[in-house]
Protein backbone atom coordinates (compact mmCIF):
# COMPACT_ATOMS: atom_id res chain seq x y z
CA MET A 1 -4.08 -11.18 -13.79
CA GLU A 2 -5.86 -10.04 -10.65
CA ALA A 3 -4.37 -7.12 -8.66
CA SER A 4 -5.26 -5.75 -5.25
CA ARG A 5 -3.76 -3.53 -2.58
CA THR A 6 -3.84 -3.45 1.22
CA TYR A 7 -3.28 -0.35 3.36
CA HIS A 8 -0.36 -0.73 5.79
CA GLY A 9 -0.33 2.65 7.46
CA GLY A 10 0.43 6.25 6.92
CA THR A 11 2.06 9.27 8.44
CA PHE A 12 2.16 13.03 8.16
CA LEU A 13 5.42 14.82 7.52
CA GLY A 14 6.52 16.67 10.65
CA TRP A 15 7.10 20.40 10.92
CA ASP A 16 10.90 19.98 10.60
CA ASP A 17 10.52 17.90 7.43
CA LEU A 18 8.15 20.47 5.95
CA GLN A 19 10.41 23.43 6.79
CA GLU A 20 13.42 21.67 5.28
CA ALA A 21 11.47 21.12 2.05
CA LYS A 22 10.08 24.69 2.18
CA ILE A 23 6.50 23.42 2.30
CA ASN A 24 3.88 25.25 4.37
CA HIS A 25 0.93 22.85 4.12
CA ARG A 26 0.10 19.36 5.42
CA VAL A 27 1.60 16.36 3.61
CA GLU A 28 0.35 12.83 4.25
CA LEU A 29 2.08 9.63 3.14
CA GLU A 30 0.22 6.31 2.75
CA TYR A 31 1.81 2.89 2.25
CA TYR A 32 0.21 -0.08 0.51
CA GLN A 33 1.14 -3.66 -0.19
CA THR A 34 0.08 -4.66 -3.69
CA LYS A 35 -0.64 -8.20 -4.76
CA ASN A 36 -0.61 -9.59 -8.30
CA ASP A 37 -1.75 -13.09 -9.10
CA ILE A 38 0.20 -14.07 -12.20
CA ASN A 39 -0.15 -17.06 -14.46
CA ASN A 40 3.41 -17.88 -15.55
CA ILE A 41 4.56 -19.55 -18.78
CA LEU A 42 4.20 -23.00 -17.22
CA ASN A 43 0.54 -22.18 -16.56
CA GLU A 44 1.18 -22.14 -12.80
CA ASP A 45 -0.40 -19.51 -10.59
CA THR A 46 2.11 -17.31 -8.77
CA THR A 47 1.58 -14.44 -6.36
CA LYS A 48 3.92 -11.47 -6.41
CA TYR A 49 3.82 -8.59 -3.95
CA GLY A 50 4.72 -4.98 -4.55
CA ILE A 51 4.65 -1.61 -2.83
CA GLU A 52 2.75 1.58 -3.50
CA VAL A 53 3.44 4.93 -1.83
CA LEU A 54 0.86 7.69 -2.06
CA LYS A 55 1.57 11.32 -1.13
CA LYS A 56 -1.27 13.76 -0.49
CA GLU A 57 -0.55 17.48 -0.23
CA TYR A 58 -3.35 19.49 1.37
CA GLU A 59 -2.90 22.98 -0.05
CA LYS A 60 -5.68 25.48 0.64
CA ASP A 61 -8.85 24.02 -0.92
CA ARG A 62 -7.09 21.42 -3.10
CA ILE A 63 -5.51 18.03 -2.57
CA TYR A 64 -2.59 17.10 -4.80
CA ILE A 65 -1.88 13.38 -5.09
CA GLU A 66 1.33 11.75 -6.24
CA SER A 67 2.01 8.01 -6.23
CA ASN A 68 4.54 5.41 -7.21
CA ASN A 69 3.84 1.69 -7.51
CA ILE A 70 6.63 -0.88 -7.75
CA LYS A 71 5.19 -4.23 -8.81
CA ASN A 72 6.59 -7.70 -8.24
CA VAL A 73 9.10 -6.84 -5.52
CA CYS A 74 9.08 -10.42 -4.24
CA ASP A 75 6.85 -13.42 -3.57
CA SER A 76 6.82 -13.00 0.23
CA SER A 77 4.04 -10.94 1.80
CA LYS A 78 5.95 -10.87 5.09
CA LYS A 79 9.09 -9.48 3.44
CA VAL A 80 7.14 -6.72 1.68
CA ILE A 81 5.45 -5.72 4.95
CA GLU A 82 8.89 -5.52 6.61
CA ILE A 83 10.07 -3.23 3.80
CA ILE A 84 6.94 -1.08 4.10
CA ASN A 85 7.61 -0.64 7.82
CA VAL A 86 11.10 0.67 7.01
CA LEU A 87 9.64 3.02 4.38
CA LYS A 88 7.06 4.36 6.88
CA LYS A 89 9.64 4.85 9.61
CA ASN A 90 11.82 6.87 7.24
CA LYS A 91 8.89 8.72 5.61
CA VAL A 92 9.87 7.70 2.09
CA THR A 93 7.94 9.58 -0.59
CA PRO A 94 6.87 8.30 -4.02
CA VAL A 95 9.86 10.05 -5.63
CA GLY A 96 12.35 8.22 -3.40
CA LEU A 97 10.64 4.83 -3.44
CA GLN A 98 12.62 3.18 -6.25
CA ASP A 99 16.05 4.28 -4.96
CA VAL A 100 15.32 3.32 -1.35
CA LEU A 101 13.83 -0.01 -2.41
CA ASP A 102 16.89 -0.77 -4.57
CA ASP A 103 19.17 0.01 -1.60
CA LEU A 104 17.14 -2.14 0.81
CA LEU A 105 17.05 -5.12 -1.57
CA THR A 106 20.79 -4.80 -2.24
CA GLN A 107 21.48 -4.79 1.51
CA GLN A 108 19.32 -7.87 1.99
CA ARG A 109 21.14 -9.73 -0.79
CA MET A 110 24.49 -8.84 0.76
CA HIS A 111 23.37 -10.29 4.10
CA LEU A 112 22.35 -13.53 2.40
CA ASP A 113 25.74 -14.02 0.72
C-alpha cells in the first residue's frame, strides 16, 4: 500500500482563540489530504483519501507538534478537499478532528437521503 499526503493550507489561531484557551504563544494549524492506494480482496486497486491535521505550538525556543490522521474517509479527492476547507475555516485542531468529521459526514448522509 502506497501512502502520500498533500498540503491544503494552514492558519494561525487568532488572539481571541488563544485568550479563550489561555494560551500565550503562537499556534499554527496545517491541513493535509492523505491518499492511500489499496489493493482490495478482489485484487483491484482502489484509492482512498483521508485527512491529517497538524498543530504546531511555538513556545519559547521549542516547537510542540500534535497531529491526528483519519484514513480512508472516502474515495473522492474533491469531497475530502471540501471537508478540509470547512476544517480550515473553523480552525479544527487534531483533538477535534474525529468528532467534527463524524458530524460533517452524518450531515452529508442526511442530505443524500
